[in-house]
Amino acid sequence: MSVAGEPKTVKEKKESVKIPLKKLKRLEILAKEKTTSFLQGHRRSIFRGPGTEYADLREYIQGDDLRFVDWNASSRVPFKLIVRDYEQERNTNVILMLDTSYSMLLGEPNPRIKMAVEAIATLAYTVMNNRDNFGWVSFSEKIHKYIPARGGKTHLYHIFNEMMKIAPFGSTNIGETVKEIALAQKRRSIIIILTDLHGNLEEAMDGFKVANVKHHDFKLFHIHDPEEFLFPKNPRQVKYQDPETGEIKTANFSNLLERGKFMYELGLEIRKINEFKRKVRGLNIEVIDAPTTVLTEKLLLTYFGSKRRGLVR
């Protein structure tokens, strides 16, 4: 996105930037490896049934798969077999909304944004192979990039190219972004919001309430470092970074006043995030706690879980 007042020619030049094909292919290889590893460990629990949508009952025709015989229905029709007739599922739209605010640059041992991009690439690759459609949104104070859901490898590389150009900045405005994207979808979709929940959450619920009227299958992922909210062990001095402004601050723990202030501010942040998550759950929206170490697995489990339960039609 260009800054306000930037000449049109500069904007067009920025939009034309392409990531080298080798880098896109490396990201695809990484996504393929992670997908294969995941499926090998979860195949039994994920793939139940024929992967189709139930349609009707009909009389058996020679060559039909006997696994689809409805024995209860057949017992009521003398000398005939009745089978369950299935129709192929409609392609599901999966929209992934990624928080690209400044705080996503933070994280140990790897920045949250790096872990998020790898996880999203894996999900996008999986969705493509499952013949579903994948869309992508980057946002902070506003939407910076929106790619509507489509299928195919060309579309996959288009999303990879945009993700690898991300330069996180600004604060987070989840509510307006969720509302805008939800209203833009012409059919019910799986909408996954991936954010570290640092920022102004006070007004976000209004956006979620409006978006929820569209009856999409919303999933709110709270991405964080495994030890982000743990108190440091026996420190004399702690340097920390404001997640939204980037300001480096220092707390001298030998000073009881500074120590108490740090603990108080940490407690406020934890309570603010937990209260927001509680309110979102009150709208019957699933909230997933997602440490960066298991983010990829949780994204894939959520996608396959929604597909298996048939929550989106």
Protein backbone atom coordinates (compact mmCIF):
# COMPACT_ATOMS: atom_id res chain seq x y z
CA MET A 1 0.00 0.00 0.00
CA SER A 2 1.23 3.47 -0.78
CA VAL A 3 1.30 6.30 1.70
CA ALA A 4 -1.20 9.15 1.39
CA GLY A 5 -0.34 11.60 -1.33
CA GLU A 6 2.17 9.35 -3.08
CA PRO A 7 2.33 9.86 -6.87
CA LYS A 8 0.38 7.33 -8.90
CA THR A 9 3.46 6.25 -10.85
CA VAL A 10 5.24 5.25 -7.64
CA LYS A 11 2.20 3.30 -6.46
CA GLU A 12 2.01 1.39 -9.73
CA LYS A 13 5.69 0.56 -9.48
CA LYS A 14 5.23 -0.84 -5.98
CA GLU A 15 2.25 -2.94 -7.05
CA SER A 16 4.33 -4.49 -9.86
CA VAL A 17 6.99 -5.89 -7.51
CA LYS A 18 7.32 -9.65 -7.90
CA ILE A 19 9.03 -12.09 -5.59
CA PRO A 20 11.52 -14.36 -7.46
CA LEU A 21 9.94 -17.62 -8.59
CA LYS A 22 12.58 -19.63 -6.71
CA LYS A 23 11.42 -18.14 -3.40
CA LEU A 24 7.79 -18.90 -4.19
CA LYS A 25 8.68 -22.50 -5.06
CA ARG A 26 10.64 -22.86 -1.81
CA LEU A 27 7.58 -21.70 0.11
CA GLU A 28 5.45 -24.20 -1.82
CA ILE A 29 7.90 -27.02 -1.02
CA LEU A 30 7.81 -26.08 2.68
CA ALA A 31 4.00 -26.03 2.61
CA LYS A 32 3.89 -29.41 0.86
CA GLU A 33 6.25 -30.98 3.42
CA LYS A 34 4.23 -29.65 6.35
CA THR A 35 0.95 -30.78 4.78
CA THR A 36 2.29 -34.29 4.11
CA SER A 37 3.61 -34.59 7.66
CA PHE A 38 0.29 -33.44 9.11
CA LEU A 39 -1.83 -35.78 6.99
CA GLN A 40 0.32 -38.80 7.86
CA GLY A 41 -0.34 -38.17 11.54
CA HIS A 42 -4.06 -37.36 11.31
CA ARG A 43 -5.41 -39.28 8.33
CA ARG A 44 -7.74 -41.55 10.31
CA SER A 45 -9.37 -38.78 12.29
CA ILE A 46 -9.79 -36.40 9.34
CA PHE A 47 -10.99 -38.53 6.44
CA ARG A 48 -14.31 -40.03 7.42
CA GLY A 49 -16.93 -40.93 4.84
CA PRO A 50 -16.71 -40.46 1.09
CA GLY A 51 -16.03 -36.73 1.23
CA THR A 52 -19.36 -35.98 -0.39
CA GLU A 53 -22.70 -34.49 0.56
CA TYR A 54 -25.75 -36.74 1.10
CA ALA A 55 -28.40 -36.25 -1.57
CA ASP A 56 -30.99 -39.04 -1.90
CA LEU A 57 -31.85 -42.74 -1.86
CA ARG A 58 -32.15 -44.72 -5.08
CA GLU A 59 -32.27 -48.30 -6.38
CA TYR A 60 -29.00 -50.20 -6.71
CA ILE A 61 -27.41 -50.26 -10.20
CA GLN A 62 -24.82 -52.87 -11.15
CA GLY A 63 -21.37 -51.45 -10.46
CA ASP A 64 -22.41 -49.31 -7.48
CA ASP A 65 -20.13 -49.44 -4.45
CA LEU A 66 -21.67 -51.84 -1.91
CA ARG A 67 -20.36 -49.65 0.91
CA PHE A 68 -23.15 -47.19 0.08
CA VAL A 69 -26.00 -49.71 0.44
CA ASP A 70 -28.59 -48.52 2.96
CA TRP A 71 -29.53 -51.83 4.58
CA ASN A 72 -32.35 -50.34 6.65
CA ALA A 73 -34.03 -48.90 3.56
CA SER A 74 -33.36 -52.10 1.59
CA SER A 75 -35.13 -54.23 4.22
CA ARG A 76 -38.36 -52.31 3.53
CA VAL A 77 -38.25 -52.96 -0.24
CA PRO A 78 -38.57 -56.66 -1.16
CA PHE A 79 -35.88 -58.08 -3.46
CA LYS A 80 -34.20 -54.74 -4.06
CA LEU A 81 -31.12 -52.98 -2.77
CA ILE A 82 -31.30 -49.27 -1.96
CA VAL A 83 -28.14 -47.18 -2.02
CA ARG A 84 -27.30 -43.77 -0.65
CA ASP A 85 -26.79 -41.48 -3.62
CA TYR A 86 -24.19 -38.77 -3.07
CA GLU A 87 -23.43 -35.56 -4.88
CA GLN A 88 -20.05 -33.86 -4.79
CA GLU A 89 -19.63 -31.13 -2.22
CA ARG A 90 -19.57 -27.57 -3.48
CA ASN A 91 -16.17 -25.97 -3.28
CA THR A 92 -15.78 -24.24 0.06
CA ASN A 93 -14.46 -20.69 0.29
CA VAL A 94 -11.76 -20.27 2.94
CA ILE A 95 -10.77 -16.67 3.77
CA LEU A 96 -7.66 -16.12 5.93
CA MET A 97 -7.37 -12.67 7.52
CA LEU A 98 -3.84 -11.91 8.74
CA ASP A 99 -3.03 -9.17 11.24
CA THR A 100 0.03 -7.35 9.84
CA SER A 101 0.34 -4.71 12.56
CA TYR A 102 3.71 -3.81 14.04
CA SER A 103 3.40 -6.23 16.95
CA MET A 104 3.53 -9.19 14.56
CA LEU A 105 7.25 -8.47 14.10
CA LEU A 106 7.80 -9.49 17.71
CA GLY A 107 8.30 -13.05 18.89
CA GLU A 108 10.83 -15.58 20.17
CA PRO A 109 12.59 -17.51 18.77
CA ASN A 110 11.01 -16.43 15.43
CA PRO A 111 8.84 -13.39 14.66
CA ARG A 112 5.12 -14.11 14.71
CA ILE A 113 4.74 -12.87 11.14
CA LYS A 114 7.24 -15.45 9.85
CA MET A 115 5.48 -18.31 11.61
CA ALA A 116 2.11 -17.01 10.41
CA VAL A 117 3.16 -16.81 6.76
CA GLU A 118 4.50 -20.39 6.82
CA ALA A 119 1.31 -21.66 8.46
CA ILE A 120 -0.95 -19.79 6.02
CA ALA A 121 1.06 -21.06 3.05
CA THR A 122 0.53 -24.61 4.29
CA LEU A 123 -3.20 -24.06 4.72
CA ALA A 124 -3.50 -22.45 1.26
CA TYR A 125 -1.63 -25.37 -0.35
CA THR A 126 -3.90 -27.86 1.44
CA VAL A 127 -7.07 -25.99 0.46
CA MET A 128 -5.93 -25.91 -3.18
CA ASN A 129 -5.22 -29.66 -3.21
CA ASN A 130 -8.65 -30.26 -1.67
CA ARG A 131 -10.19 -28.35 -4.61
CA ASP A 132 -11.54 -25.62 -2.38
CA ASN A 133 -11.06 -21.88 -2.85
CA PHE A 134 -8.67 -19.80 -0.77
CA GLY A 135 -8.75 -16.04 -0.19
CA TRP A 136 -6.37 -13.84 1.77
CA VAL A 137 -6.56 -10.50 3.61
CA SER A 138 -3.83 -8.46 5.28
CA PHE A 139 -4.85 -5.70 7.68
CA SER A 140 -3.73 -3.47 10.54
CA GLU A 141 -5.64 -0.18 11.00
CA LYS A 142 -7.41 -0.99 7.71
CA ILE A 143 -7.37 -3.57 4.96
CA HIS A 144 -4.12 -3.42 3.00
CA LYS A 145 -4.67 -6.29 0.59
CA TYR A 146 -7.70 -8.41 -0.23
CA ILE A 147 -7.48 -11.33 -2.66
CA PRO A 148 -10.91 -12.97 -3.17
CA ALA A 149 -11.19 -16.74 -2.86
CA ARG A 150 -10.27 -18.75 -5.94
CA GLY A 151 -8.59 -22.05 -6.72
CA GLY A 152 -5.59 -23.27 -8.73
CA LYS A 153 -1.81 -23.00 -8.55
CA THR A 154 -1.62 -19.62 -10.31
CA HIS A 155 -3.85 -18.17 -7.59
CA LEU A 156 -1.77 -19.90 -4.91
CA TYR A 157 1.42 -18.28 -6.22
CA HIS A 158 -0.34 -14.91 -6.36
CA ILE A 159 -1.11 -15.19 -2.64
CA PHE A 160 2.42 -16.42 -1.86
CA ASN A 161 3.85 -13.43 -3.72
CA GLU A 162 1.73 -10.97 -1.71
CA MET A 163 2.48 -12.63 1.63
CA MET A 164 6.23 -12.50 1.08
CA LYS A 165 6.03 -8.72 0.52
CA ILE A 166 4.47 -8.06 3.93
CA ALA A 167 6.07 -5.27 5.99
CA PRO A 168 4.14 -5.08 9.29
CA PHE A 169 3.29 -1.63 10.57
CA GLY A 170 0.62 0.26 12.52
CA SER A 171 -1.86 -0.88 15.14
CA THR A 172 -4.74 -3.36 14.91
CA ASN A 173 -8.36 -2.63 14.01
CA ILE A 174 -10.08 -6.01 13.90
CA GLY A 175 -13.76 -5.03 14.08
CA GLU A 176 -14.08 -2.90 10.94
CA THR A 177 -11.93 -5.31 8.94
CA VAL A 178 -13.99 -8.35 9.91
CA LYS A 179 -17.24 -6.53 9.10
CA GLU A 180 -16.02 -5.38 5.69
CA ILE A 181 -14.73 -8.81 4.62
CA ALA A 182 -17.78 -10.69 5.94
CA LEU A 183 -20.18 -8.43 4.05
CA ALA A 184 -18.11 -8.80 0.86
CA GLN A 185 -18.64 -12.59 0.68
CA LYS A 186 -21.56 -13.59 -1.57
CA ARG A 187 -21.75 -17.09 -0.08
CA ARG A 188 -21.12 -18.61 3.31
CA SER A 189 -17.42 -19.11 3.95
CA ILE A 190 -14.93 -20.28 6.53
CA ILE A 191 -13.36 -17.03 7.73
CA ILE A 192 -10.23 -17.39 9.87
CA ILE A 193 -8.87 -14.31 11.66
CA LEU A 194 -5.25 -14.66 12.74
CA THR A 195 -4.09 -11.96 15.18
CA ASP A 196 -1.99 -11.49 18.31
CA LEU A 197 -4.80 -9.33 19.79
CA HIS A 198 -2.50 -6.45 20.68
CA GLY A 199 -4.25 -3.17 19.99
CA ASN A 200 -7.57 -1.45 20.58
CA LEU A 201 -10.15 -4.17 21.24
CA GLU A 202 -12.79 -1.97 22.87
CA GLU A 203 -14.71 -1.20 19.68
CA ALA A 204 -14.01 -4.48 17.88
CA MET A 205 -17.14 -6.26 19.11
CA ASP A 206 -19.45 -4.01 17.08
CA GLY A 207 -17.77 -5.25 13.92
CA PHE A 208 -18.06 -8.89 14.97
CA LYS A 209 -21.77 -8.47 15.75
CA VAL A 210 -22.51 -7.07 12.29
CA ALA A 211 -20.36 -9.69 10.57
CA ASN A 212 -21.97 -12.51 12.51
CA VAL A 213 -25.35 -11.75 10.88
CA LYS A 214 -23.96 -13.21 7.63
CA HIS A 215 -23.66 -16.64 9.31
CA HIS A 216 -20.15 -17.38 8.13
CA ASP A 217 -18.12 -20.01 9.97
CA PHE A 218 -15.83 -17.65 11.93
CA LYS A 219 -12.63 -18.79 13.66
CA LEU A 220 -10.58 -16.35 15.74
CA PHE A 221 -6.97 -17.51 16.17
CA HIS A 222 -5.03 -15.87 18.98
CA ILE A 223 -1.41 -16.24 17.87
CA HIS A 224 1.25 -15.72 20.53
CA ASP A 225 4.68 -16.88 21.65
CA PRO A 226 4.64 -19.88 24.01
CA GLU A 227 6.09 -17.76 26.84
CA GLU A 228 4.66 -14.37 25.90
CA PHE A 229 2.55 -13.98 29.04
CA LEU A 230 4.88 -15.70 31.50
CA PHE A 231 6.63 -13.58 34.12
CA PRO A 232 10.47 -13.52 33.65
CA LYS A 233 12.40 -15.78 36.03
CA ASN A 234 14.62 -13.95 38.55
CA PRO A 235 15.52 -10.98 36.32
CA ARG A 236 17.35 -7.89 37.55
CA GLN A 237 16.38 -5.86 34.53
CA VAL A 238 13.92 -6.49 31.71
CA LYS A 239 13.87 -4.82 28.31
CA TYR A 240 10.57 -5.07 26.50
CA GLN A 241 8.98 -3.55 23.45
CA ASP A 242 5.59 -1.88 23.24
CA PRO A 243 3.75 -4.17 20.79
CA GLU A 244 1.99 -1.35 18.92
CA THR A 245 4.46 1.58 19.01
CA GLY A 246 7.73 -0.35 18.91
CA GLU A 247 9.12 1.75 21.79
CA ILE A 248 11.83 -0.04 23.79
CA LYS A 249 11.28 0.19 27.53
CA THR A 250 13.31 -1.01 30.51
CA ALA A 251 12.03 -2.21 33.86
CA ASN A 252 14.49 -2.37 36.77
CA PHE A 253 13.22 -5.25 38.90
CA SER A 254 15.43 -4.35 41.83
CA ASN A 255 13.18 -1.30 42.15
CA LEU A 256 9.94 -2.53 43.72
CA LEU A 257 7.93 0.32 42.17
CA GLU A 258 9.08 -0.49 38.61
CA ARG A 259 8.64 -4.20 39.24
CA GLY A 260 5.09 -3.63 40.47
CA LYS A 261 4.26 -1.38 37.51
CA PHE A 262 5.49 -4.03 35.03
CA MET A 263 3.45 -6.77 36.69
CA TYR A 264 0.37 -4.52 36.78
CA GLU A 265 0.61 -3.62 33.07
CA LEU A 266 1.18 -7.27 32.13
CA GLY A 267 -1.88 -8.26 34.16
CA LEU A 268 -4.01 -5.57 32.49
CA GLU A 269 -3.00 -6.79 29.03
CA ILE A 270 -3.83 -10.40 29.88
CA ARG A 271 -7.23 -9.45 31.34
CA LYS A 272 -8.05 -7.25 28.33
CA ILE A 273 -7.33 -10.06 25.87
CA ASN A 274 -9.15 -12.72 27.89
CA GLU A 275 -12.22 -10.50 28.27
CA PHE A 276 -12.32 -9.87 24.52
CA LYS A 277 -12.04 -13.59 23.78
CA ARG A 278 -14.88 -14.29 26.23
CA LYS A 279 -17.14 -11.78 24.46
CA VAL A 280 -16.32 -13.23 21.03
CA ARG A 281 -17.20 -16.72 22.26
CA GLY A 282 -20.52 -15.25 23.42
CA LEU A 283 -21.34 -14.72 19.72
CA ASN A 284 -20.83 -18.46 19.14
CA ILE A 285 -17.56 -17.75 17.35
CA GLU A 286 -14.84 -20.31 17.96
CA VAL A 287 -11.69 -18.87 19.58
CA ILE A 288 -8.51 -20.92 19.19
CA ASP A 289 -5.46 -20.39 21.39
CA ALA A 290 -2.54 -20.77 18.97
CA PRO A 291 1.06 -20.64 20.18
CA THR A 292 3.41 -20.20 17.21
CA THR A 293 4.87 -23.67 17.82
CA VAL A 294 1.60 -25.41 16.86
CA LEU A 295 -0.03 -22.78 14.64
CA THR A 296 0.20 -24.77 11.41
CA GLU A 297 -1.32 -27.89 12.92
CA LYS A 298 -4.19 -25.95 14.53
CA LEU A 299 -5.01 -24.17 11.26
CA LEU A 300 -5.20 -27.47 9.37
CA LEU A 301 -7.24 -29.18 12.08
CA THR A 302 -9.70 -26.28 12.07
CA TYR A 303 -10.11 -26.40 8.29
CA PHE A 304 -10.64 -30.15 8.12
CA GLY A 305 -12.89 -30.06 11.18
CA SER A 306 -15.21 -27.50 9.56
CA LYS A 307 -15.30 -29.50 6.34
CA ARG A 308 -16.01 -32.78 8.13
CA ARG A 309 -18.83 -31.32 10.21
CA GLY A 310 -20.37 -29.72 7.15
CA LEU A 311 -20.66 -26.29 8.75
CA VAL A 312 -20.40 -24.46 5.43
CA ARG A 313 -22.79 -25.05 2.52
